[in-house]
């Protein structure tokens, strides 16, 4: 039986794709559930950040959290995030464990409040089916005493 070079290349491509997928999913923080809302929070370290960015393409909402530090922004964690639906019901109330938060939300309108060091940023969200939304929230630089 002869094996063609193209068959070997296809087999190796599949093996590397599976290995790459396994590497990404093994670095991904666990999915948490609050009521009916699934979410992932994290992004500490290069592997975890890359895994979240890759996975984020399949989620309804990805938040990227940072604070100005002069000439550039620095990633932050410990941000209190509160998301409510249009009826005012809380669908997510959590504190982030890294600079990224992935949230699976049903299509619809939501209110987002994110608080870091006593400063709250607000966004109105319109989540559409099959259209992930990426929101970057950047807080002003901390005031010096």
N, C-alpha and C. Protein backbone atom coordinates (compact mmCIF):
# COMPACT_ATOMS: atom_id res chain seq x y z
N UNK A 1 0.85 -1.18 0.00
CA UNK A 1 0.00 0.00 0.00
C UNK A 1 0.89 1.24 0.00
N UNK A 2 0.61 2.14 -0.94
CA UNK A 2 1.38 3.37 -1.06
C UNK A 2 0.64 4.50 -0.35
N UNK A 3 1.39 5.29 0.36
CA UNK A 3 0.83 6.46 1.02
C UNK A 3 1.35 7.69 0.30
N UNK A 4 0.44 8.53 -0.11
CA UNK A 4 0.82 9.73 -0.83
C UNK A 4 1.27 10.81 0.15
N UNK A 5 2.17 11.65 -0.33
CA UNK A 5 2.65 12.77 0.48
C UNK A 5 1.47 13.63 0.93
N UNK A 6 0.50 13.85 0.06
CA UNK A 6 -0.65 14.70 0.42
C UNK A 6 -1.43 14.10 1.58
N UNK A 7 -1.51 12.77 1.65
CA UNK A 7 -2.21 12.12 2.77
C UNK A 7 -1.46 12.36 4.08
N UNK A 8 -0.15 12.31 4.02
CA UNK A 8 0.66 12.55 5.21
C UNK A 8 0.49 14.00 5.67
N UNK A 9 0.51 14.93 4.72
CA UNK A 9 0.35 16.35 5.07
C UNK A 9 -1.01 16.59 5.70
N UNK A 10 -2.06 16.02 5.13
CA UNK A 10 -3.41 16.17 5.69
C UNK A 10 -3.47 15.59 7.10
N UNK A 11 -2.87 14.43 7.30
CA UNK A 11 -2.88 13.80 8.62
C UNK A 11 -2.13 14.65 9.64
N UNK A 12 -0.96 15.16 9.25
CA UNK A 12 -0.18 16.00 10.17
C UNK A 12 -0.90 17.31 10.48
N UNK A 13 -1.56 17.89 9.48
CA UNK A 13 -2.32 19.11 9.72
C UNK A 13 -3.41 18.87 10.74
N UNK A 14 -4.11 17.75 10.62
CA UNK A 14 -5.16 17.41 11.58
C UNK A 14 -4.61 17.22 12.98
N UNK A 15 -3.47 16.56 13.08
CA UNK A 15 -2.85 16.33 14.39
C UNK A 15 -2.46 17.66 15.03
N UNK A 16 -1.84 18.56 14.25
CA UNK A 16 -1.44 19.85 14.80
C UNK A 16 -2.65 20.70 15.17
N UNK A 17 -3.73 20.62 14.39
CA UNK A 17 -4.95 21.37 14.71
C UNK A 17 -5.55 20.89 16.02
N UNK A 18 -5.60 19.58 16.21
CA UNK A 18 -6.13 19.01 17.45
C UNK A 18 -5.25 19.41 18.63
N UNK A 19 -3.94 19.35 18.44
CA UNK A 19 -3.01 19.72 19.52
C UNK A 19 -3.16 21.20 19.86
N UNK A 20 -3.30 22.03 18.84
CA UNK A 20 -3.48 23.46 19.08
C UNK A 20 -4.78 23.75 19.81
N UNK A 21 -5.87 23.08 19.41
CA UNK A 21 -7.17 23.24 20.07
C UNK A 21 -7.07 22.79 21.52
N UNK A 22 -6.42 21.66 21.76
CA UNK A 22 -6.28 21.15 23.13
C UNK A 22 -5.47 22.12 23.99
N UNK A 23 -4.44 22.72 23.40
CA UNK A 23 -3.62 23.68 24.15
C UNK A 23 -4.45 24.91 24.53
N UNK A 24 -5.25 25.42 23.60
CA UNK A 24 -6.08 26.59 23.87
C UNK A 24 -7.11 26.28 24.94
N UNK A 25 -7.82 25.15 24.81
CA UNK A 25 -8.87 24.84 25.77
C UNK A 25 -8.30 24.51 27.14
N UNK A 26 -7.09 23.96 27.21
CA UNK A 26 -6.52 23.65 28.52
C UNK A 26 -6.09 24.92 29.25
N UNK A 27 -5.84 26.00 28.53
CA UNK A 27 -5.45 27.27 29.14
C UNK A 27 -6.65 28.14 29.48
N UNK A 28 -7.82 27.75 29.02
CA UNK A 28 -9.03 28.54 29.22
C UNK A 28 -9.57 28.33 30.63
N UNK A 29 -9.88 29.43 31.35
CA UNK A 29 -10.50 29.27 32.68
C UNK A 29 -11.84 28.54 32.55
N UNK A 30 -12.30 27.99 33.64
CA UNK A 30 -13.56 27.26 33.63
C UNK A 30 -14.74 28.18 33.37
N UNK A 31 -15.73 27.65 32.65
CA UNK A 31 -16.97 28.38 32.42
C UNK A 31 -17.77 28.36 33.72
N UNK A 32 -18.25 29.53 34.12
CA UNK A 32 -19.08 29.65 35.33
C UNK A 32 -20.52 29.92 34.90
N UNK A 33 -21.44 29.62 35.80
CA UNK A 33 -22.86 29.81 35.52
C UNK A 33 -23.49 30.60 36.65
N UNK A 34 -24.18 31.67 36.29
CA UNK A 34 -24.93 32.47 37.25
C UNK A 34 -26.35 32.58 36.70
N UNK A 35 -27.28 31.89 37.34
CA UNK A 35 -28.62 31.79 36.78
C UNK A 35 -28.55 31.06 35.45
N UNK A 36 -29.00 31.70 34.39
CA UNK A 36 -28.92 31.12 33.04
C UNK A 36 -27.73 31.66 32.24
N UNK A 37 -26.90 32.48 32.87
CA UNK A 37 -25.83 33.16 32.16
C UNK A 37 -24.49 32.46 32.36
N UNK A 38 -23.88 32.04 31.24
CA UNK A 38 -22.54 31.46 31.27
C UNK A 38 -21.52 32.58 31.09
N UNK A 39 -20.40 32.46 31.82
CA UNK A 39 -19.34 33.46 31.65
C UNK A 39 -17.99 32.87 32.00
N UNK A 40 -16.96 33.51 31.47
CA UNK A 40 -15.56 33.17 31.76
C UNK A 40 -14.86 34.47 32.10
N UNK A 41 -14.09 34.46 33.17
CA UNK A 41 -13.32 35.64 33.55
C UNK A 41 -11.87 35.22 33.74
N UNK A 42 -10.96 36.05 33.25
CA UNK A 42 -9.55 35.73 33.42
C UNK A 42 -8.70 36.49 32.42
N UNK A 43 -7.61 35.86 32.03
CA UNK A 43 -6.68 36.48 31.09
C UNK A 43 -5.36 36.85 31.73
N UNK A 44 -5.08 36.27 32.90
CA UNK A 44 -3.80 36.51 33.55
C UNK A 44 -2.79 35.56 32.92
N UNK A 45 -1.73 36.10 32.39
CA UNK A 45 -0.71 35.28 31.74
C UNK A 45 -0.97 35.16 30.25
N UNK A 46 0.10 34.96 29.50
CA UNK A 46 0.03 34.92 28.04
C UNK A 46 -0.87 33.79 27.53
N UNK A 47 -0.70 32.57 28.04
CA UNK A 47 -1.48 31.43 27.54
C UNK A 47 -2.97 31.62 27.79
N UNK A 48 -3.31 32.07 28.99
CA UNK A 48 -4.72 32.26 29.33
C UNK A 48 -5.32 33.40 28.50
N UNK A 49 -4.58 34.48 28.32
CA UNK A 49 -5.06 35.60 27.50
C UNK A 49 -5.32 35.16 26.07
N UNK A 50 -4.38 34.44 25.50
CA UNK A 50 -4.54 33.96 24.13
C UNK A 50 -5.72 33.01 24.01
N UNK A 51 -5.90 32.14 25.00
CA UNK A 51 -7.02 31.20 24.98
C UNK A 51 -8.36 31.94 25.04
N UNK A 52 -8.44 32.96 25.88
CA UNK A 52 -9.69 33.73 26.00
C UNK A 52 -9.95 34.51 24.72
N UNK A 53 -8.94 35.12 24.14
CA UNK A 53 -9.13 35.87 22.90
C UNK A 53 -9.60 34.94 21.78
N UNK A 54 -9.05 33.75 21.73
CA UNK A 54 -9.47 32.78 20.71
C UNK A 54 -10.91 32.33 20.95
N UNK A 55 -11.23 32.00 22.18
CA UNK A 55 -12.58 31.52 22.51
C UNK A 55 -13.61 32.64 22.40
N UNK A 56 -13.18 33.87 22.64
CA UNK A 56 -14.10 35.01 22.65
C UNK A 56 -14.86 35.21 21.36
N UNK A 57 -14.34 34.70 20.26
CA UNK A 57 -15.01 34.83 18.96
C UNK A 57 -16.36 34.13 18.94
N UNK A 58 -16.54 33.15 19.82
CA UNK A 58 -17.78 32.37 19.83
C UNK A 58 -18.76 32.83 20.91
N UNK A 59 -18.42 33.87 21.66
CA UNK A 59 -19.28 34.34 22.75
C UNK A 59 -20.02 35.60 22.32
N UNK A 60 -21.18 35.84 22.93
CA UNK A 60 -22.01 37.01 22.59
C UNK A 60 -21.34 38.32 22.97
N UNK A 61 -20.59 38.32 24.07
CA UNK A 61 -19.97 39.55 24.57
C UNK A 61 -18.59 39.25 25.12
N UNK A 62 -17.63 40.09 24.72
CA UNK A 62 -16.29 40.03 25.31
C UNK A 62 -15.95 41.43 25.81
N UNK A 63 -15.63 41.53 27.09
CA UNK A 63 -15.17 42.78 27.67
C UNK A 63 -13.66 42.73 27.84
N UNK A 64 -13.00 43.82 27.48
CA UNK A 64 -11.57 43.98 27.68
C UNK A 64 -11.42 45.18 28.61
N UNK A 65 -10.74 44.99 29.73
CA UNK A 65 -10.71 45.98 30.81
C UNK A 65 -9.31 46.53 31.01
N UNK A 66 -9.20 47.86 31.02
CA UNK A 66 -7.88 48.48 31.21
C UNK A 66 -8.03 49.83 31.90
N UNK A 67 -6.88 50.36 32.33
CA UNK A 67 -6.83 51.68 32.95
C UNK A 67 -5.68 52.46 32.34
N UNK A 68 -5.94 53.72 32.05
CA UNK A 68 -4.88 54.58 31.52
C UNK A 68 -3.78 54.73 32.55
N UNK A 69 -2.55 54.72 32.07
CA UNK A 69 -1.40 54.88 32.98
C UNK A 69 -0.42 55.90 32.41
N UNK A 70 -0.94 56.91 31.76
CA UNK A 70 -0.06 57.89 31.11
C UNK A 70 -0.09 57.68 29.62
N UNK A 71 1.00 57.16 29.07
CA UNK A 71 1.09 57.01 27.62
C UNK A 71 0.36 55.79 27.07
N UNK A 72 0.04 54.84 27.91
CA UNK A 72 -0.67 53.64 27.42
C UNK A 72 -1.59 53.11 28.51
N UNK A 73 -2.41 52.15 28.14
CA UNK A 73 -3.34 51.55 29.09
C UNK A 73 -2.75 50.25 29.63
N UNK A 74 -3.11 49.93 30.85
CA UNK A 74 -2.65 48.71 31.52
C UNK A 74 -3.87 47.85 31.82
N UNK A 75 -3.76 46.54 31.55
CA UNK A 75 -4.86 45.63 31.85
C UNK A 75 -5.13 45.61 33.35
N UNK A 76 -6.41 45.46 33.71
CA UNK A 76 -6.81 45.43 35.13
C UNK A 76 -7.74 44.25 35.39
N UNK A 77 -7.89 43.92 36.66
CA UNK A 77 -8.86 42.91 37.10
C UNK A 77 -9.59 43.48 38.30
N UNK A 78 -10.38 42.65 38.96
CA UNK A 78 -11.16 43.08 40.12
C UNK A 78 -12.14 44.20 39.77
N UNK A 79 -12.75 44.08 38.60
CA UNK A 79 -13.76 45.03 38.16
C UNK A 79 -15.13 44.42 38.46
N UNK A 80 -15.98 45.16 39.15
CA UNK A 80 -17.33 44.68 39.44
C UNK A 80 -18.19 44.96 38.20
N UNK A 81 -18.78 43.90 37.64
CA UNK A 81 -19.59 44.00 36.43
C UNK A 81 -21.02 43.61 36.76
N UNK A 82 -21.95 44.49 36.39
CA UNK A 82 -23.37 44.25 36.59
C UNK A 82 -24.07 44.43 35.25
N UNK A 83 -24.72 43.36 34.78
CA UNK A 83 -25.47 43.41 33.52
C UNK A 83 -26.93 43.12 33.82
N UNK A 84 -27.79 44.03 33.32
CA UNK A 84 -29.24 43.86 33.51
C UNK A 84 -29.93 43.83 32.16
N UNK A 85 -31.00 43.04 32.07
CA UNK A 85 -31.77 43.00 30.83
C UNK A 85 -32.68 44.23 30.76
N UNK A 86 -33.43 44.36 29.65
CA UNK A 86 -34.24 45.58 29.46
C UNK A 86 -35.35 45.72 30.49
N UNK A 87 -35.73 44.61 31.16
CA UNK A 87 -36.75 44.67 32.22
C UNK A 87 -36.14 45.03 33.57
N UNK A 88 -34.81 45.18 33.62
CA UNK A 88 -34.14 45.54 34.87
C UNK A 88 -33.72 44.34 35.71
N UNK A 89 -33.88 43.14 35.17
CA UNK A 89 -33.47 41.92 35.88
C UNK A 89 -31.96 41.73 35.76
N UNK A 90 -31.31 41.41 36.85
CA UNK A 90 -29.88 41.15 36.83
C UNK A 90 -29.62 39.81 36.15
N UNK A 91 -28.78 39.84 35.10
CA UNK A 91 -28.40 38.59 34.43
C UNK A 91 -26.97 38.19 34.77
N UNK A 92 -26.16 39.17 35.23
CA UNK A 92 -24.80 38.85 35.68
C UNK A 92 -24.35 39.90 36.69
N UNK A 93 -23.82 39.42 37.80
CA UNK A 93 -23.27 40.28 38.85
C UNK A 93 -22.02 39.58 39.34
N UNK A 94 -20.85 40.04 38.88
CA UNK A 94 -19.61 39.35 39.20
C UNK A 94 -18.46 40.35 39.30
N UNK A 95 -17.35 39.88 39.86
CA UNK A 95 -16.11 40.64 39.89
C UNK A 95 -15.09 39.87 39.07
N UNK A 96 -14.45 40.55 38.14
CA UNK A 96 -13.56 39.87 37.20
C UNK A 96 -12.29 39.36 37.87
N UNK A 97 -11.76 38.31 37.28
CA UNK A 97 -10.52 37.68 37.76
C UNK A 97 -9.38 37.89 36.77
N UNK A 98 -9.51 38.89 35.95
CA UNK A 98 -8.51 39.20 34.94
C UNK A 98 -9.05 40.29 34.04
N UNK A 99 -8.31 40.63 32.99
CA UNK A 99 -8.72 41.74 32.12
C UNK A 99 -9.78 41.40 31.09
N UNK A 100 -10.22 40.14 31.04
CA UNK A 100 -11.23 39.74 30.05
C UNK A 100 -12.42 39.10 30.74
N UNK A 101 -13.59 39.35 30.16
CA UNK A 101 -14.82 38.72 30.61
C UNK A 101 -15.61 38.33 29.37
N UNK A 102 -15.89 37.04 29.24
CA UNK A 102 -16.73 36.52 28.16
C UNK A 102 -18.08 36.20 28.75
N UNK A 103 -19.16 36.62 28.07
CA UNK A 103 -20.50 36.40 28.58
C UNK A 103 -21.39 35.93 27.44
N UNK A 104 -22.12 34.85 27.67
CA UNK A 104 -23.13 34.40 26.71
C UNK A 104 -24.46 35.00 27.11
N UNK A 105 -24.94 35.90 26.28
CA UNK A 105 -26.22 36.56 26.51
C UNK A 105 -27.15 36.25 25.35
N UNK A 106 -28.43 36.12 25.65
CA UNK A 106 -29.42 35.96 24.60
C UNK A 106 -29.53 37.28 23.83
N UNK A 107 -29.91 37.24 22.57
CA UNK A 107 -30.10 38.48 21.83
C UNK A 107 -31.08 39.41 22.56
N UNK A 108 -30.77 40.69 22.56
CA UNK A 108 -31.63 41.67 23.22
C UNK A 108 -30.84 42.87 23.69
N UNK A 109 -31.51 43.73 24.44
CA UNK A 109 -30.90 44.96 24.97
C UNK A 109 -30.57 44.79 26.44
N UNK A 110 -29.40 45.30 26.80
CA UNK A 110 -28.90 45.16 28.17
C UNK A 110 -28.27 46.47 28.62
N UNK A 111 -28.16 46.60 29.92
CA UNK A 111 -27.47 47.72 30.56
C UNK A 111 -26.24 47.14 31.27
N UNK A 112 -25.08 47.73 31.03
CA UNK A 112 -23.83 47.27 31.63
C UNK A 112 -23.25 48.37 32.49
N UNK A 113 -22.97 48.05 33.74
CA UNK A 113 -22.23 48.94 34.64
C UNK A 113 -21.00 48.19 35.12
N UNK A 114 -19.84 48.81 34.94
CA UNK A 114 -18.58 48.21 35.37
C UNK A 114 -17.88 49.20 36.29
N UNK A 115 -17.56 48.75 37.50
CA UNK A 115 -16.98 49.64 38.51
C UNK A 115 -15.58 49.18 38.89
N UNK A 116 -14.64 50.12 38.82
CA UNK A 116 -13.26 49.87 39.21
C UNK A 116 -12.79 51.06 40.04
N UNK A 117 -12.31 50.77 41.23
CA UNK A 117 -11.81 51.81 42.15
C UNK A 117 -12.79 52.98 42.26
N UNK A 118 -14.04 52.67 42.53
CA UNK A 118 -15.12 53.63 42.78
C UNK A 118 -15.57 54.42 41.56
N UNK A 119 -15.05 54.10 40.38
CA UNK A 119 -15.49 54.77 39.15
C UNK A 119 -16.28 53.78 38.31
N UNK A 120 -17.52 54.16 37.96
CA UNK A 120 -18.39 53.28 37.19
C UNK A 120 -18.49 53.77 35.75
N UNK A 121 -18.30 52.84 34.81
CA UNK A 121 -18.51 53.11 33.39
C UNK A 121 -19.80 52.40 32.99
N UNK A 122 -20.61 53.06 32.17
CA UNK A 122 -21.90 52.51 31.75
C UNK A 122 -21.93 52.36 30.22
N UNK A 123 -22.52 51.27 29.77
CA UNK A 123 -22.76 51.06 28.35
C UNK A 123 -24.13 50.42 28.18
N UNK A 124 -24.84 50.86 27.14
CA UNK A 124 -26.05 50.18 26.72
C UNK A 124 -25.64 49.20 25.63
N UNK A 125 -26.09 47.97 25.75
CA UNK A 125 -25.69 46.92 24.82
C UNK A 125 -26.87 46.44 24.00
N UNK A 126 -26.61 46.15 22.74
CA UNK A 126 -27.59 45.48 21.89
C UNK A 126 -26.91 44.22 21.38
N UNK A 127 -27.30 43.09 21.94
CA UNK A 127 -26.70 41.81 21.56
C UNK A 127 -27.53 41.21 20.44
N UNK A 128 -26.86 40.87 19.35
CA UNK A 128 -27.53 40.27 18.21
C UNK A 128 -27.06 38.84 18.03
N UNK A 129 -27.95 38.02 17.52
CA UNK A 129 -27.62 36.61 17.31
C UNK A 129 -26.50 36.49 16.28
N UNK A 130 -25.52 35.67 16.59
CA UNK A 130 -24.39 35.36 15.72
C UNK A 130 -23.49 36.56 15.42
N UNK A 131 -23.58 37.61 16.24
CA UNK A 131 -22.71 38.77 16.08
C UNK A 131 -22.10 39.09 17.43
N UNK A 132 -20.93 38.55 17.70
CA UNK A 132 -20.28 38.82 18.97
C UNK A 132 -19.92 40.30 19.10
N UNK A 133 -20.02 40.80 20.29
CA UNK A 133 -19.73 42.21 20.56
C UNK A 133 -18.50 42.28 21.45
N UNK A 134 -17.53 43.08 21.03
CA UNK A 134 -16.32 43.30 21.81
C UNK A 134 -16.37 44.73 22.34
N UNK A 135 -16.30 44.87 23.65
CA UNK A 135 -16.34 46.18 24.29
C UNK A 135 -15.04 46.37 25.07
N UNK A 136 -14.35 47.46 24.79
CA UNK A 136 -13.16 47.81 25.56
C UNK A 136 -13.54 48.93 26.52
N UNK A 137 -13.34 48.68 27.79
CA UNK A 137 -13.61 49.68 28.82
C UNK A 137 -12.27 50.13 29.39
N UNK A 138 -12.02 51.43 29.32
CA UNK A 138 -10.76 51.98 29.83
C UNK A 138 -11.07 53.06 30.85
N UNK A 139 -10.60 52.85 32.06
CA UNK A 139 -10.79 53.80 33.15
C UNK A 139 -9.70 54.86 33.09
N UNK A 140 -10.01 56.07 33.56
CA UNK A 140 -8.97 57.11 33.60
C UNK A 140 -7.87 56.73 34.59
N UNK A 141 -6.73 57.35 34.40
CA UNK A 141 -5.60 57.09 35.30
C UNK A 141 -5.98 57.42 36.74
N UNK A 142 -5.41 56.66 37.65
CA UNK A 142 -5.67 56.89 39.08
C UNK A 142 -5.13 58.26 39.46
N UNK A 143 -5.90 58.96 40.27
CA UNK A 143 -5.47 60.29 40.73
C UNK A 143 -4.38 60.14 41.78
N UNK A 144 -3.36 60.97 41.64
CA UNK A 144 -2.27 60.95 42.63
C UNK A 144 -2.61 61.90 43.75
N UNK A 145 -2.30 61.49 44.95
CA UNK A 145 -2.59 62.33 46.12
C UNK A 145 -1.61 63.45 46.27
